[in-house]
PDB file of all heavy atoms in Angstrom:
ATOM      1  N   PRO A   1     -50.651 -39.176 -33.680  1.00  0.00           N
ATOM      2  CA  PRO A   1     -50.907 -40.340 -32.835  1.00  0.00           C
ATOM      3  C   PRO A   1     -52.142 -40.141 -31.966  1.00  0.00           C
ATOM      4  O   PRO A   1     -52.548 -39.017 -31.694  1.00  0.00           O
ATOM      5  CB  PRO A   1     -49.642 -40.440 -31.987  1.00  0.00           C
ATOM      6  CG  PRO A   1     -49.151 -39.018 -31.872  1.00  0.00           C
ATOM      7  CD  PRO A   1     -49.475 -38.395 -33.200  1.00  0.00           C
ATOM      8  N   PHE A   2     -52.715 -41.257 -31.517  1.00  0.00           N
ATOM      9  CA  PHE A   2     -53.883 -41.199 -30.654  1.00  0.00           C
ATOM     10  C   PHE A   2     -53.479 -40.646 -29.286  1.00  0.00           C
ATOM     11  O   PHE A   2     -52.524 -41.121 -28.672  1.00  0.00           O
ATOM     12  CB  PHE A   2     -54.481 -42.594 -30.452  1.00  0.00           C
ATOM     13  CG  PHE A   2     -55.078 -43.195 -31.699  1.00  0.00           C
ATOM     14  CD1 PHE A   2     -55.092 -44.572 -31.879  1.00  0.00           C
ATOM     15  CD2 PHE A   2     -55.651 -42.407 -32.681  1.00  0.00           C
ATOM     16  CE1 PHE A   2     -55.661 -45.142 -33.004  1.00  0.00           C
ATOM     17  CE2 PHE A   2     -56.224 -42.965 -33.822  1.00  0.00           C
ATOM     18  CZ  PHE A   2     -56.222 -44.333 -33.984  1.00  0.00           C
ATOM     19  N   SER A   3     -54.216 -39.681 -28.811  1.00  0.00           N
ATOM     20  CA  SER A   3     -53.950 -39.064 -27.513  1.00  0.00           C
ATOM     21  C   SER A   3     -55.120 -39.270 -26.576  1.00  0.00           C
ATOM     22  O   SER A   3     -56.288 -39.216 -26.993  1.00  0.00           O
ATOM     23  CB  SER A   3     -53.701 -37.563 -27.690  1.00  0.00           C
ATOM     24  OG  SER A   3     -53.697 -36.893 -26.429  1.00  0.00           O
ATOM     25  N   GLU A   4     -54.814 -39.471 -25.307  1.00  0.00           N
ATOM     26  CA  GLU A   4     -55.864 -39.616 -24.290  1.00  0.00           C
ATOM     27  C   GLU A   4     -56.731 -38.365 -24.179  1.00  0.00           C
ATOM     28  O   GLU A   4     -57.845 -38.414 -23.642  1.00  0.00           O
ATOM     29  CB  GLU A   4     -55.249 -39.907 -22.911  1.00  0.00           C
ATOM     30  CG  GLU A   4     -54.391 -41.140 -22.856  1.00  0.00           C
ATOM     31  CD  GLU A   4     -52.911 -40.832 -23.034  1.00  0.00           C
ATOM     32  OE1 GLU A   4     -52.595 -39.857 -23.755  1.00  0.00           O
ATOM     33  OE2 GLU A   4     -52.078 -41.550 -22.452  1.00  0.00           O
ATOM     34  N   HIS A   5     -56.221 -37.250 -24.659  1.00  0.00           N
ATOM     35  CA  HIS A   5     -56.964 -35.992 -24.557  1.00  0.00           C
ATOM     36  C   HIS A   5     -57.985 -35.818 -25.680  1.00  0.00           C
ATOM     37  O   HIS A   5     -58.758 -34.857 -25.671  1.00  0.00           O
ATOM     38  CB  HIS A   5     -55.986 -34.821 -24.548  1.00  0.00           C
ATOM     39  CG  HIS A   5     -54.926 -34.950 -23.496  1.00  0.00           C
ATOM     40  ND1 HIS A   5     -55.196 -34.886 -22.148  1.00  0.00           N
ATOM     41  CD2 HIS A   5     -53.586 -35.188 -23.585  1.00  0.00           C
ATOM     42  CE1 HIS A   5     -54.080 -35.061 -21.451  1.00  0.00           C
ATOM     43  NE2 HIS A   5     -53.087 -35.248 -22.310  1.00  0.00           N
ATOM     44  N   ASP A   6     -57.969 -36.746 -26.654  1.00  0.00           N
ATOM     45  CA  ASP A   6     -58.904 -36.675 -27.778  1.00  0.00           C
ATOM     46  C   ASP A   6     -60.221 -37.362 -27.429  1.00  0.00           C
ATOM     47  O   ASP A   6     -60.283 -38.245 -26.570  1.00  0.00           O
ATOM     48  CB  ASP A   6     -58.299 -37.356 -29.014  1.00  0.00           C
ATOM     49  CG  ASP A   6     -57.072 -36.629 -29.539  1.00  0.00           C
ATOM     50  OD1 ASP A   6     -56.950 -35.425 -29.269  1.00  0.00           O
ATOM     51  OD2 ASP A   6     -56.250 -37.280 -30.205  1.00  0.00           O
ATOM     52  N   SER A   7     -61.259 -36.978 -28.136  1.00  0.00           N
ATOM     53  CA  SER A   7     -62.558 -37.626 -27.991  1.00  0.00           C
ATOM     54  C   SER A   7     -62.507 -39.059 -28.516  1.00  0.00           C
ATOM     55  O   SER A   7     -61.831 -39.341 -29.501  1.00  0.00           O
ATOM     56  CB  SER A   7     -63.616 -36.836 -28.759  1.00  0.00           C
ATOM     57  OG  SER A   7     -64.822 -37.568 -28.855  1.00  0.00           O
ATOM     58  N   VAL A   8     -63.223 -39.949 -27.838  1.00  0.00           N
ATOM     59  CA  VAL A   8     -63.319 -41.342 -28.295  1.00  0.00           C
ATOM     60  C   VAL A   8     -64.795 -41.749 -28.334  1.00  0.00           C
ATOM     61  O   VAL A   8     -65.182 -42.781 -27.784  1.00  0.00           O
ATOM     62  CB  VAL A   8     -62.496 -42.312 -27.406  1.00  0.00           C
ATOM     63  CG1 VAL A   8     -61.014 -42.111 -27.636  1.00  0.00           C
ATOM     64  CG2 VAL A   8     -62.822 -42.128 -25.927  1.00  0.00           C
ATOM     65  N   ASP A   9     -65.571 -40.962 -29.007  1.00  0.00           N
ATOM     66  CA  ASP A   9     -67.018 -41.158 -29.036  1.00  0.00           C
ATOM     67  C   ASP A   9     -67.530 -41.813 -30.309  1.00  0.00           C
ATOM     68  O   ASP A   9     -68.732 -41.805 -30.566  1.00  0.00           O
ATOM     69  CB  ASP A   9     -67.735 -39.818 -28.841  1.00  0.00           C
ATOM     70  CG  ASP A   9     -67.561 -39.265 -27.430  1.00  0.00           C
ATOM     71  OD1 ASP A   9     -67.323 -40.079 -26.515  1.00  0.00           O
ATOM     72  OD2 ASP A   9     -67.631 -38.043 -27.251  1.00  0.00           O
ATOM     73  N   HIS A  10     -66.627 -42.393 -31.121  1.00  0.00           N
ATOM     74  CA  HIS A  10     -67.060 -42.998 -32.376  1.00  0.00           C
ATOM     75  C   HIS A  10     -66.472 -44.398 -32.541  1.00  0.00           C
ATOM     76  O   HIS A  10     -65.672 -44.659 -33.445  1.00  0.00           O
ATOM     77  CB  HIS A  10     -66.676 -42.104 -33.567  1.00  0.00           C
ATOM     78  CG  HIS A  10     -67.321 -40.762 -33.519  1.00  0.00           C
ATOM     79  ND1 HIS A  10     -66.770 -39.694 -32.834  1.00  0.00           N
ATOM     80  CD2 HIS A  10     -68.486 -40.313 -34.047  1.00  0.00           C
ATOM     81  CE1 HIS A  10     -67.572 -38.648 -32.951  1.00  0.00           C
ATOM     82  NE2 HIS A  10     -68.617 -38.997 -33.673  1.00  0.00           N
ATOM     83  N   PRO A  11     -66.864 -45.348 -31.653  1.00  0.00           N
ATOM     84  CA  PRO A  11     -66.362 -46.723 -31.779  1.00  0.00           C
ATOM     85  C   PRO A  11     -66.876 -47.368 -33.053  1.00  0.00           C
ATOM     86  O   PRO A  11     -67.958 -47.034 -33.541  1.00  0.00           O
ATOM     87  CB  PRO A  11     -66.923 -47.416 -30.529  1.00  0.00           C
ATOM     88  CG  PRO A  11     -68.133 -46.612 -30.171  1.00  0.00           C
ATOM     89  CD  PRO A  11     -67.810 -45.194 -30.537  1.00  0.00           C
ATOM     90  N   VAL A  12     -66.082 -48.315 -33.588  1.00  0.00           N
ATOM     91  CA  VAL A  12     -66.489 -49.012 -34.817  1.00  0.00           C
ATOM     92  C   VAL A  12     -66.662 -50.514 -34.587  1.00  0.00           C
ATOM     93  O   VAL A  12     -66.779 -51.281 -35.537  1.00  0.00           O
ATOM     94  CB  VAL A  12     -65.486 -48.749 -35.976  1.00  0.00           C
ATOM     95  CG1 VAL A  12     -65.479 -47.280 -36.340  1.00  0.00           C
ATOM     96  CG2 VAL A  12     -64.088 -49.237 -35.618  1.00  0.00           C
ATOM     97  N   SER A  13     -66.676 -50.933 -33.324  1.00  0.00           N
ATOM     98  CA  SER A  13     -66.981 -52.324 -32.983  1.00  0.00           C
ATOM     99  C   SER A  13     -67.618 -52.334 -31.606  1.00  0.00           C
ATOM    100  O   SER A  13     -67.412 -51.408 -30.800  1.00  0.00           O
ATOM    101  CB  SER A  13     -65.717 -53.191 -32.975  1.00  0.00           C
ATOM    102  OG  SER A  13     -64.888 -52.864 -31.874  1.00  0.00           O
ATOM    103  N   LEU A  14     -68.408 -53.375 -31.321  1.00  0.00           N
ATOM    104  CA  LEU A  14     -69.016 -53.490 -30.000  1.00  0.00           C
ATOM    105  C   LEU A  14     -67.944 -53.669 -28.927  1.00  0.00           C
ATOM    106  O   LEU A  14     -68.086 -53.161 -27.810  1.00  0.00           O
ATOM    107  CB  LEU A  14     -69.999 -54.669 -29.966  1.00  0.00           C
ATOM    108  CG  LEU A  14     -70.723 -54.857 -28.634  1.00  0.00           C
ATOM    109  CD1 LEU A  14     -71.585 -53.649 -28.303  1.00  0.00           C
ATOM    110  CD2 LEU A  14     -71.564 -56.125 -28.650  1.00  0.00           C
ATOM    111  N   TYR A  15     -66.876 -54.392 -29.276  1.00  0.00           N
ATOM    112  CA  TYR A  15     -65.758 -54.540 -28.323  1.00  0.00           C
ATOM    113  C   TYR A  15     -65.261 -53.169 -27.887  1.00  0.00           C
ATOM    114  O   TYR A  15     -65.113 -52.893 -26.685  1.00  0.00           O
ATOM    115  CB  TYR A  15     -64.631 -55.344 -28.965  1.00  0.00           C
ATOM    116  CG  TYR A  15     -63.362 -55.351 -28.157  1.00  0.00           C
ATOM    117  CD1 TYR A  15     -63.290 -56.021 -26.943  1.00  0.00           C
ATOM    118  CD2 TYR A  15     -62.216 -54.687 -28.604  1.00  0.00           C
ATOM    119  CE1 TYR A  15     -62.131 -56.024 -26.185  1.00  0.00           C
ATOM    120  CE2 TYR A  15     -61.043 -54.691 -27.859  1.00  0.00           C
ATOM    121  CZ  TYR A  15     -61.007 -55.358 -26.653  1.00  0.00           C
ATOM    122  OH  TYR A  15     -59.851 -55.358 -25.914  1.00  0.00           O
ATOM    123  N   ALA A  16     -65.025 -52.295 -28.845  1.00  0.00           N
ATOM    124  CA  ALA A  16     -64.547 -50.945 -28.526  1.00  0.00           C
ATOM    125  C   ALA A  16     -65.563 -50.188 -27.677  1.00  0.00           C
ATOM    126  O   ALA A  16     -65.203 -49.476 -26.733  1.00  0.00           O
ATOM    127  CB  ALA A  16     -64.258 -50.172 -29.814  1.00  0.00           C
ATOM    128  N   ALA A  17     -66.824 -50.344 -28.001  1.00  0.00           N
ATOM    129  CA  ALA A  17     -67.870 -49.649 -27.248  1.00  0.00           C
ATOM    130  C   ALA A  17     -67.899 -50.104 -25.792  1.00  0.00           C
ATOM    131  O   ALA A  17     -68.104 -49.296 -24.876  1.00  0.00           O
ATOM    132  CB  ALA A  17     -69.228 -49.890 -27.906  1.00  0.00           C
ATOM    133  N   THR A  18     -67.679 -51.417 -25.549  1.00  0.00           N
ATOM    134  CA  THR A  18     -67.678 -51.896 -24.162  1.00  0.00           C
ATOM    135  C   THR A  18     -66.474 -51.356 -23.399  1.00  0.00           C
ATOM    136  O   THR A  18     -66.574 -51.077 -22.204  1.00  0.00           O
ATOM    137  CB  THR A  18     -67.681 -53.434 -24.083  1.00  0.00           C
ATOM    138  OG1 THR A  18     -66.493 -53.976 -24.672  1.00  0.00           O
ATOM    139  CG2 THR A  18     -68.904 -54.019 -24.768  1.00  0.00           C
ATOM    140  N   LYS A  19     -65.352 -51.191 -24.083  1.00  0.00           N
ATOM    141  CA  LYS A  19     -64.162 -50.650 -23.405  1.00  0.00           C
ATOM    142  C   LYS A  19     -64.340 -49.163 -23.088  1.00  0.00           C
ATOM    143  O   LYS A  19     -63.921 -48.686 -22.023  1.00  0.00           O
ATOM    144  CB  LYS A  19     -62.922 -50.894 -24.262  1.00  0.00           C
ATOM    145  CG  LYS A  19     -62.489 -52.354 -24.309  1.00  0.00           C
ATOM    146  CD  LYS A  19     -62.190 -52.876 -22.914  1.00  0.00           C
ATOM    147  CE  LYS A  19     -61.669 -54.293 -22.900  1.00  0.00           C
ATOM    148  NZ  LYS A  19     -61.351 -54.757 -21.535  1.00  0.00           N
ATOM    149  N   LYS A  20     -64.937 -48.424 -23.993  1.00  0.00           N
ATOM    150  CA  LYS A  20     -65.269 -47.029 -23.709  1.00  0.00           C
ATOM    151  C   LYS A  20     -66.251 -46.954 -22.541  1.00  0.00           C
ATOM    152  O   LYS A  20     -66.129 -46.105 -21.649  1.00  0.00           O
ATOM    153  CB  LYS A  20     -65.861 -46.379 -24.958  1.00  0.00           C
ATOM    154  CG  LYS A  20     -66.525 -45.023 -24.733  1.00  0.00           C
ATOM    155  CD  LYS A  20     -65.569 -43.971 -24.226  1.00  0.00           C
ATOM    156  CE  LYS A  20     -66.280 -42.610 -24.147  1.00  0.00           C
ATOM    157  NZ  LYS A  20     -65.421 -41.575 -23.529  1.00  0.00           N
ATOM    158  N   ALA A  21     -67.229 -47.857 -22.538  1.00  0.00           N
ATOM    159  CA  ALA A  21     -68.183 -47.898 -21.437  1.00  0.00           C
ATOM    160  C   ALA A  21     -67.486 -48.170 -20.109  1.00  0.00           C
ATOM    161  O   ALA A  21     -67.849 -47.599 -19.071  1.00  0.00           O
ATOM    162  CB  ALA A  21     -69.250 -48.965 -21.704  1.00  0.00           C
ATOM    163  N   ASN A  22     -66.483 -49.046 -20.124  1.00  0.00           N
ATOM    164  CA  ASN A  22     -65.723 -49.316 -18.890  1.00  0.00           C
ATOM    165  C   ASN A  22     -65.095 -48.048 -18.339  1.00  0.00           C
ATOM    166  O   ASN A  22     -65.109 -47.814 -17.119  1.00  0.00           O
ATOM    167  CB  ASN A  22     -64.625 -50.347 -19.158  1.00  0.00           C
ATOM    168  CG  ASN A  22     -65.136 -51.763 -19.339  1.00  0.00           C
ATOM    169  OD1 ASN A  22     -64.384 -52.644 -19.738  1.00  0.00           O
ATOM    170  ND2 ASN A  22     -66.404 -51.996 -19.071  1.00  0.00           N
ATOM    171  N   GLU A  23     -64.545 -47.219 -19.214  1.00  0.00           N
ATOM    172  CA  GLU A  23     -63.937 -45.970 -18.763  1.00  0.00           C
ATOM    173  C   GLU A  23     -64.982 -45.051 -18.130  1.00  0.00           C
ATOM    174  O   GLU A  23     -64.729 -44.410 -17.104  1.00  0.00           O
ATOM    175  CB  GLU A  23     -63.243 -45.275 -19.936  1.00  0.00           C
ATOM    176  CG  GLU A  23     -62.064 -46.066 -20.493  1.00  0.00           C
ATOM    177  CD  GLU A  23     -61.394 -45.393 -21.682  1.00  0.00           C
ATOM    178  OE1 GLU A  23     -61.797 -44.269 -22.050  1.00  0.00           O
ATOM    179  OE2 GLU A  23     -60.448 -45.993 -22.249  1.00  0.00           O
ATOM    180  N   LEU A  24     -66.158 -44.984 -18.732  1.00  0.00           N
ATOM    181  CA  LEU A  24     -67.231 -44.154 -18.189  1.00  0.00           C
ATOM    182  C   LEU A  24     -67.724 -44.691 -16.844  1.00  0.00           C
ATOM    183  O   LEU A  24     -67.982 -43.928 -15.903  1.00  0.00           O
ATOM    184  CB  LEU A  24     -68.392 -44.093 -19.177  1.00  0.00           C
ATOM    185  CG  LEU A  24     -68.104 -43.426 -20.521  1.00  0.00           C
ATOM    186  CD1 LEU A  24     -69.296 -43.599 -21.459  1.00  0.00           C
ATOM    187  CD2 LEU A  24     -67.783 -41.956 -20.341  1.00  0.00           C
ATOM    188  N   MET A  25     -67.858 -46.003 -16.758  1.00  0.00           N
ATOM    189  CA  MET A  25     -68.301 -46.624 -15.513  1.00  0.00           C
ATOM    190  C   MET A  25     -67.280 -46.394 -14.401  1.00  0.00           C
ATOM    191  O   MET A  25     -67.648 -46.085 -13.252  1.00  0.00           O
ATOM    192  CB  MET A  25     -68.524 -48.121 -15.732  1.00  0.00           C
ATOM    193  CG  MET A  25     -69.672 -48.433 -16.692  1.00  0.00           C
ATOM    194  SD  MET A  25     -69.582 -50.115 -17.384  1.00  0.00           S
ATOM    195  CE  MET A  25     -70.015 -51.093 -15.947  1.00  0.00           C
ATOM    196  N   ALA A  26     -66.003 -46.536 -14.739  1.00  0.00           N
ATOM    197  CA  ALA A  26     -64.947 -46.314 -13.749  1.00  0.00           C
ATOM    198  C   ALA A  26     -64.988 -44.876 -13.238  1.00  0.00           C
ATOM    199  O   ALA A  26     -64.853 -44.624 -12.029  1.00  0.00           O
ATOM    200  CB  ALA A  26     -63.584 -46.633 -14.359  1.00  0.00           C
ATOM    201  N   HIS A  27     -65.183 -43.925 -14.161  1.00  0.00           N
ATOM    202  CA  HIS A  27     -65.233 -42.529 -13.731  1.00  0.00           C
ATOM    203  C   HIS A  27     -66.386 -42.294 -12.765  1.00  0.00           C
ATOM    204  O   HIS A  27     -66.251 -41.555 -11.776  1.00  0.00           O
ATOM    205  CB  HIS A  27     -65.365 -41.577 -14.922  1.00  0.00           C
ATOM    206  CG  HIS A  27     -65.331 -40.141 -14.502  1.00  0.00           C
ATOM    207  ND1 HIS A  27     -66.465 -39.445 -14.141  1.00  0.00           N
ATOM    208  CD2 HIS A  27     -64.290 -39.283 -14.338  1.00  0.00           C
ATOM    209  CE1 HIS A  27     -66.130 -38.211 -13.793  1.00  0.00           C
ATOM    210  NE2 HIS A  27     -64.817 -38.094 -13.903  1.00  0.00           N
ATOM    211  N   THR A  28     -67.517 -42.921 -13.021  1.00  0.00           N
ATOM    212  CA  THR A  28     -68.671 -42.766 -12.134  1.00  0.00           C
ATOM    213  C   THR A  28     -68.343 -43.222 -10.716  1.00  0.00           C
ATOM    214  O   THR A  28     -68.668 -42.532  -9.732  1.00  0.00           O
ATOM    215  CB  THR A  28     -69.865 -43.571 -12.672  1.00  0.00           C
ATOM    216  OG1 THR A  28     -70.162 -43.138 -14.000  1.00  0.00           O
ATOM    217  CG2 THR A  28     -71.090 -43.389 -11.796  1.00  0.00           C
ATOM    218  N   TYR A  29     -67.672 -44.377 -10.606  1.00  0.00           N
ATOM    219  CA  TYR A  29     -67.311 -44.880  -9.279  1.00  0.00           C
ATOM    220  C   TYR A  29     -66.217 -44.030  -8.642  1.00  0.00           C
ATOM    221  O   TYR A  29     -66.203 -43.844  -7.414  1.00  0.00           O
ATOM    222  CB  TYR A  29     -66.891 -46.349  -9.365  1.00  0.00           C
ATOM    223  CG  TYR A  29     -68.069 -47.295  -9.276  1.00  0.00           C
ATOM    224  CD1 TYR A  29     -69.008 -47.356 -10.306  1.00  0.00           C
ATOM    225  CD2 TYR A  29     -68.264 -48.105  -8.170  1.00  0.00           C
ATOM    226  CE1 TYR A  29     -70.103 -48.203 -10.237  1.00  0.00           C
ATOM    227  CE2 TYR A  29     -69.358 -48.960  -8.079  1.00  0.00           C
ATOM    228  CZ  TYR A  29     -70.276 -49.000  -9.121  1.00  0.00           C
ATOM    229  OH  TYR A  29     -71.360 -49.834  -9.036  1.00  0.00           O
ATOM    230  N   SER A  30     -65.316 -43.515  -9.445  1.00  0.00           N
ATOM    231  CA  SER A  30     -64.296 -42.605  -8.904  1.00  0.00           C
ATOM    232  C   SER A  30     -64.950 -41.346  -8.351  1.00  0.00           C
ATOM    233  O   SER A  30     -64.558 -40.821  -7.305  1.00  0.00           O
ATOM    234  CB  SER A  30     -63.284 -42.240  -9.995  1.00  0.00           C
ATOM    235  OG  SER A  30     -62.540 -43.358 -10.387  1.00  0.00           O
ATOM    236  N   HIS A  31     -65.949 -40.851  -9.075  1.00  0.00           N
ATOM    237  CA  HIS A  31     -66.636 -39.631  -8.668  1.00  0.00           C
ATOM    238  C   HIS A  31     -67.524 -39.853  -7.445  1.00  0.00           C
ATOM    239  O   HIS A  31     -67.465 -39.093  -6.469  1.00  0.00           O
ATOM    240  CB  HIS A  31     -67.484 -39.107  -9.832  1.00  0.00           C
ATOM    241  CG  HIS A  31     -68.392 -37.983  -9.456  1.00  0.00           C
ATOM    242  ND1 HIS A  31     -67.935 -36.690  -9.227  1.00  0.00           N
ATOM    243  CD2 HIS A  31     -69.742 -37.953  -9.253  1.00  0.00           C
ATOM    244  CE1 HIS A  31     -68.952 -35.919  -8.905  1.00  0.00           C
ATOM    245  NE2 HIS A  31     -70.063 -36.658  -8.915  1.00  0.00           N
ATOM    246  N   LEU A  32     -68.339 -40.891  -7.485  1.00  0.00           N
ATOM    247  CA  LEU A  32     -69.311 -41.105  -6.414  1.00  0.00           C
ATOM    248  C   LEU A  32     -68.689 -41.653  -5.136  1.00  0.00           C
ATOM    249  O   LEU A  32     -69.085 -41.268  -4.023  1.00  0.00           O
ATOM    250  CB  LEU A  32     -70.398 -42.077  -6.891  1.00  0.00           C
ATOM    251  CG  LEU A  32     -71.361 -41.564  -7.959  1.00  0.00           C
ATOM    252  CD1 LEU A  32     -72.280 -42.689  -8.406  1.00  0.00           C
ATOM    253  CD2 LEU A  32     -72.173 -40.383  -7.439  1.00  0.00           C
TER     254      LEU A  32
END
């Protein structure tokens, strides 16, 4: 099964890429 601990660096749709980007953006604001 898909685990949060796995890499998610290979999206196959732009929709997926924007959702991955949201996670990265959120982390930046959490950090800063």
